[in-house]
């Protein structure tokens, strides 16, 4: 019999943040890697300070850019309140990297040899409420006769395993490329950044879980946006990249209005 392990305490707060949830835009912004906070019971998973503030623990700047976009678009935003190392909410429960024992150059001591109870508690107390919040929002909007547009916001490190990344903005998609195609077209006139399709990640890297779970079954317009994090850590840079993304997204939505799934 599996022993039930309680992960969260009252002092940890809600695992999910909802910002501008009644925003009038059809866009639903989602930030799965918004925070590098850890539940008190996990003692930062035994990480060094360097590891706990690095990109392996969260997506630096992603939530701040998401907030700027939410304000500019009047768009609802749902974000995860704990580190991706506690549970990576852009991965399904059976994924090996949902609770990794190593991420890039860092060992994650608190994720080594997790018991079934440990894993189950993280799924139940972090993953499940986060995705339930997204599901509930989409269901309420669709009951009101509106079809949400799912846009997930991420950042990525400029250097990964010692290899520099030239791409500055990635527009990622799975089988449904309608919104991604329109964003890439809009970027030609509305972005000064180096923009590429399905870079630095793509469907082959297992990073499309949120889109696959919530958007594809309902044929909702969707896209995953990856911003190189050196363009999202200073306020002036965040404002610049956020403004470009808002302009691109507005133009793209005008282009795809009424378009059927491809």
Protein backbone atom coordinates (compact mmCIF):
# COMPACT_ATOMS: atom_id res chain seq x y z
CA UNK A 1 0.00 0.00 0.00
CA UNK A 2 1.34 3.42 -0.97
CA UNK A 3 1.85 5.82 1.92
CA UNK A 4 0.26 9.20 1.31
CA UNK A 5 2.73 12.07 1.66
CA UNK A 6 1.50 15.63 2.21
CA UNK A 7 3.59 18.15 0.31
CA UNK A 8 1.99 21.55 0.87
CA UNK A 9 1.27 23.37 4.11
CA UNK A 10 -1.05 26.31 4.68
CA UNK A 11 1.99 28.62 4.72
CA UNK A 12 2.90 27.55 1.17
CA UNK A 13 -0.23 29.12 -0.28
CA UNK A 14 -2.06 28.19 -3.46
CA UNK A 15 -0.03 26.33 -6.11
CA UNK A 16 -1.74 28.38 -8.84
CA UNK A 17 -1.94 32.12 -9.51
CA UNK A 18 -4.80 33.63 -11.50
CA UNK A 19 -4.17 37.15 -12.76
CA UNK A 20 -6.74 39.34 -14.55
CA UNK A 21 -8.88 36.23 -14.79
CA UNK A 22 -11.90 38.22 -16.03
CA UNK A 23 -9.90 39.92 -18.78
CA UNK A 24 -11.89 40.54 -21.94
CA UNK A 25 -9.38 39.10 -24.43
CA UNK A 26 -9.93 35.64 -25.92
CA UNK A 27 -6.24 34.97 -25.25
CA UNK A 28 -5.46 32.84 -22.21
CA UNK A 29 -1.84 33.28 -21.17
CA UNK A 30 -0.25 30.38 -19.28
CA UNK A 31 3.12 30.40 -17.51
CA UNK A 32 4.09 26.92 -16.32
CA UNK A 33 7.58 27.88 -15.08
CA UNK A 34 6.76 31.21 -13.45
CA UNK A 35 8.38 30.69 -10.05
CA UNK A 36 11.46 29.30 -8.31
CA UNK A 37 9.68 28.96 -4.96
CA UNK A 38 9.77 25.63 -3.13
CA UNK A 39 7.30 24.19 -0.63
CA UNK A 40 8.68 24.48 2.90
CA UNK A 41 8.63 20.69 3.33
CA UNK A 42 11.19 20.21 0.53
CA UNK A 43 13.98 22.45 1.89
CA UNK A 44 14.77 23.69 -1.65
CA UNK A 45 15.41 20.07 -2.70
CA UNK A 46 18.95 20.38 -1.29
CA UNK A 47 19.97 22.79 -4.07
CA UNK A 48 22.73 25.34 -3.90
CA UNK A 49 21.76 29.01 -4.16
CA UNK A 50 23.24 29.05 -7.67
CA UNK A 51 21.02 26.20 -8.81
CA UNK A 52 17.87 27.50 -7.12
CA UNK A 53 17.99 30.81 -8.98
CA UNK A 54 19.16 29.36 -12.30
CA UNK A 55 17.07 28.49 -15.34
CA UNK A 56 16.80 24.86 -14.23
CA UNK A 57 14.51 25.95 -11.37
CA UNK A 58 12.25 28.28 -13.40
CA UNK A 59 12.02 30.44 -16.52
CA UNK A 60 13.56 33.77 -15.46
CA UNK A 61 11.52 36.72 -16.71
CA UNK A 62 8.67 34.61 -18.11
CA UNK A 63 6.07 35.62 -15.53
CA UNK A 64 7.05 39.29 -15.72
CA UNK A 65 6.64 39.29 -19.52
CA UNK A 66 3.36 37.41 -19.14
CA UNK A 67 2.07 40.09 -16.76
CA UNK A 68 3.01 42.85 -19.19
CA UNK A 69 1.22 41.02 -22.01
CA UNK A 70 -1.80 40.36 -19.81
CA UNK A 71 -2.11 44.06 -19.04
CA UNK A 72 -1.61 45.13 -22.67
CA UNK A 73 -4.08 42.61 -24.09
CA UNK A 74 -6.49 42.54 -21.13
CA UNK A 75 -5.88 38.80 -21.17
CA UNK A 76 -6.33 36.32 -18.30
CA UNK A 77 -3.15 34.68 -17.00
CA UNK A 78 -2.71 31.40 -15.12
CA UNK A 79 0.71 30.68 -13.58
CA UNK A 80 2.36 27.97 -11.51
CA UNK A 81 3.61 29.11 -8.09
CA UNK A 82 6.32 26.51 -7.46
CA UNK A 83 9.58 25.58 -9.12
CA UNK A 84 9.55 23.36 -12.17
CA UNK A 85 11.88 21.07 -10.18
CA UNK A 86 9.07 20.31 -7.73
CA UNK A 87 6.92 19.36 -10.71
CA UNK A 88 7.29 20.56 -14.28
CA UNK A 89 3.69 21.35 -15.18
CA UNK A 90 4.51 21.24 -18.89
CA UNK A 91 5.15 17.51 -18.58
CA UNK A 92 2.67 14.63 -18.04
CA UNK A 93 2.97 12.52 -14.88
CA UNK A 94 4.67 9.66 -16.70
CA UNK A 95 7.46 11.86 -18.12
CA UNK A 96 10.91 11.19 -16.71
CA UNK A 97 11.72 14.91 -16.61
CA UNK A 98 8.56 15.91 -14.72
CA UNK A 99 10.57 15.58 -11.49
CA UNK A 100 14.18 15.33 -12.69
CA UNK A 101 17.08 14.09 -10.59
CA UNK A 102 19.43 16.11 -12.80
CA UNK A 103 18.83 19.17 -14.95
CA UNK A 104 21.55 20.36 -17.33
CA UNK A 105 24.68 20.70 -15.13
CA UNK A 106 22.92 20.47 -11.75
CA UNK A 107 22.09 17.43 -9.65
CA UNK A 108 18.76 17.73 -7.83
CA UNK A 109 19.31 15.87 -4.53
CA UNK A 110 15.71 16.15 -3.36
CA UNK A 111 14.46 14.44 -6.52
CA UNK A 112 16.72 11.41 -6.25
CA UNK A 113 15.02 8.09 -5.54
CA UNK A 114 11.57 9.58 -5.01
CA UNK A 115 9.04 7.18 -3.53
CA UNK A 116 5.72 6.49 -5.22
CA UNK A 117 4.09 8.49 -2.42
CA UNK A 118 6.36 11.47 -3.03
CA UNK A 119 5.62 11.46 -6.72
CA UNK A 120 1.89 11.02 -6.16
CA UNK A 121 1.74 13.96 -3.75
CA UNK A 122 3.47 16.28 -6.21
CA UNK A 123 1.12 15.23 -8.98
CA UNK A 124 -1.94 15.66 -6.77
CA UNK A 125 -0.93 18.94 -5.10
CA UNK A 126 0.96 20.77 -7.88
CA UNK A 127 0.24 19.34 -11.34
CA UNK A 128 -3.44 18.50 -10.92
CA UNK A 129 -4.66 21.86 -9.52
CA UNK A 130 -2.67 23.79 -12.10
CA UNK A 131 -4.17 21.97 -15.06
CA UNK A 132 -7.60 21.94 -13.41
CA UNK A 133 -7.44 25.74 -13.31
CA UNK A 134 -6.78 25.84 -17.06
CA UNK A 135 -9.52 23.29 -17.79
CA UNK A 136 -12.05 25.15 -15.65
CA UNK A 137 -11.26 28.46 -17.31
CA UNK A 138 -11.61 27.02 -20.82
CA UNK A 139 -14.87 25.26 -19.93
CA UNK A 140 -16.39 28.46 -18.52
CA UNK A 141 -15.39 30.49 -21.56
CA UNK A 142 -16.76 27.89 -23.95
CA UNK A 143 -20.03 27.71 -22.02
CA UNK A 144 -20.28 31.45 -22.62
CA UNK A 145 -19.84 30.84 -26.36
CA UNK A 146 -16.20 31.95 -26.53
CA UNK A 147 -13.23 29.92 -27.73
CA UNK A 148 -10.03 30.75 -25.83
CA UNK A 149 -6.70 31.12 -27.61
CA UNK A 150 -4.03 29.32 -25.56
CA UNK A 151 -0.63 31.06 -25.45
CA UNK A 152 2.07 29.68 -23.15
CA UNK A 153 5.06 31.86 -22.24
CA UNK A 154 8.54 30.50 -21.52
CA UNK A 155 12.15 31.66 -21.45
CA UNK A 156 15.30 29.71 -22.28
CA UNK A 157 18.95 30.05 -21.35
CA UNK A 158 21.33 31.69 -23.88
CA UNK A 159 23.90 28.92 -23.32
CA UNK A 160 22.91 25.28 -22.83
CA UNK A 161 25.51 22.59 -22.08
CA UNK A 162 28.16 25.08 -23.16
CA UNK A 163 26.59 25.75 -26.56
CA UNK A 164 25.44 29.34 -27.32
CA UNK A 165 21.99 29.78 -28.83
CA UNK A 166 21.60 32.39 -31.56
CA UNK A 167 17.80 32.27 -31.69
CA UNK A 168 16.18 35.02 -29.59
CA UNK A 169 12.51 34.16 -29.93
CA UNK A 170 11.05 30.74 -30.60
CA UNK A 171 7.53 30.20 -31.93
CA UNK A 172 6.60 26.61 -31.10
CA UNK A 173 3.70 24.45 -32.19
CA UNK A 174 2.57 20.86 -32.38
CA UNK A 175 0.16 19.56 -35.05
CA UNK A 176 -1.89 22.77 -35.23
CA UNK A 177 0.35 25.52 -36.66
CA UNK A 178 -2.33 28.13 -37.49
CA UNK A 179 -1.36 30.67 -34.86
CA UNK A 180 2.36 29.89 -35.07
CA UNK A 181 2.33 30.45 -38.84
CA UNK A 182 0.60 33.79 -38.40
CA UNK A 183 2.98 34.87 -35.63
CA UNK A 184 6.01 34.03 -37.75
CA UNK A 185 4.55 36.08 -40.60
CA UNK A 186 3.82 38.98 -38.24
CA UNK A 187 7.36 38.85 -36.85
CA UNK A 188 8.79 39.88 -40.21
CA UNK A 189 7.39 43.40 -39.76
CA UNK A 190 6.84 43.65 -36.02
CA UNK A 191 9.94 42.16 -34.42
CA UNK A 192 13.61 43.11 -34.44
CA UNK A 193 14.57 39.75 -32.92
CA UNK A 194 15.93 36.59 -34.50
CA UNK A 195 12.74 34.53 -34.63
CA UNK A 196 12.60 30.83 -35.54
CA UNK A 197 10.03 28.05 -35.71
CA UNK A 198 10.23 25.24 -33.10
CA UNK A 199 13.53 26.47 -31.68
CA UNK A 200 15.30 25.93 -29.34
CA UNK A 201 12.76 23.17 -28.69
CA UNK A 202 10.08 21.43 -30.69
CA UNK A 203 7.53 18.61 -30.40
CA UNK A 204 10.33 16.03 -30.46
CA UNK A 205 11.56 17.34 -27.08
CA UNK A 206 8.30 16.59 -25.25
CA UNK A 207 7.56 20.24 -24.43
CA UNK A 208 4.03 20.50 -25.84
CA UNK A 209 2.08 18.94 -22.97
CA UNK A 210 -0.04 21.97 -22.05
CA UNK A 211 -0.98 22.58 -25.69
CA UNK A 212 -1.65 18.90 -26.27
CA UNK A 213 -3.76 18.54 -23.14
CA UNK A 214 -5.91 21.65 -23.42
CA UNK A 215 -5.87 23.06 -26.95
CA UNK A 216 -5.51 20.27 -29.49
CA UNK A 217 -8.51 18.15 -28.35
CA UNK A 218 -10.79 21.20 -28.65
CA UNK A 219 -9.12 22.56 -31.81
CA UNK A 220 -8.33 25.82 -30.02
CA UNK A 221 -5.81 28.20 -31.52
CA UNK A 222 -2.58 27.75 -29.60
CA UNK A 223 1.13 28.49 -29.52
CA UNK A 224 4.11 28.21 -27.19
CA UNK A 225 6.45 31.21 -27.07
CA UNK A 226 10.09 30.89 -25.96
CA UNK A 227 12.07 34.07 -25.18
CA UNK A 228 15.83 33.95 -24.66
CA UNK A 229 16.10 34.95 -21.03
CA UNK A 230 18.77 37.62 -21.46
CA UNK A 231 15.99 39.56 -23.20
CA UNK A 232 13.59 39.17 -20.27
CA UNK A 233 15.52 39.82 -17.09
CA UNK A 234 15.81 43.63 -17.09
CA UNK A 235 12.64 45.72 -16.96
CA UNK A 236 13.42 47.74 -20.07
CA UNK A 237 14.17 44.57 -22.04
CA UNK A 238 11.00 42.88 -20.83
CA UNK A 239 8.95 45.87 -21.90
CA UNK A 240 10.56 45.82 -25.34
CA UNK A 241 10.08 42.11 -25.99
CA UNK A 242 6.60 42.17 -24.45
CA UNK A 243 5.55 45.03 -26.75
CA UNK A 244 6.82 43.14 -29.80
CA UNK A 245 4.96 40.00 -28.76
CA UNK A 246 1.74 41.91 -28.19
CA UNK A 247 1.98 43.53 -31.62
CA UNK A 248 2.75 40.18 -33.25
CA UNK A 249 -0.08 38.43 -31.45
CA UNK A 250 -2.66 41.08 -32.31
CA UNK A 251 -1.70 40.95 -35.99
CA UNK A 252 -1.65 37.14 -35.97
CA UNK A 253 -5.10 36.89 -34.38
CA UNK A 254 -6.54 39.20 -37.03
CA UNK A 255 -5.05 36.94 -39.69
CA UNK A 256 -6.34 33.63 -38.30
CA UNK A 257 -9.83 34.75 -37.26
CA UNK A 258 -12.26 32.10 -38.45
CA UNK A 259 -9.51 29.84 -39.82
CA UNK A 260 -10.17 26.12 -39.53
CA UNK A 261 -7.59 23.71 -37.98
CA UNK A 262 -4.87 22.60 -40.38
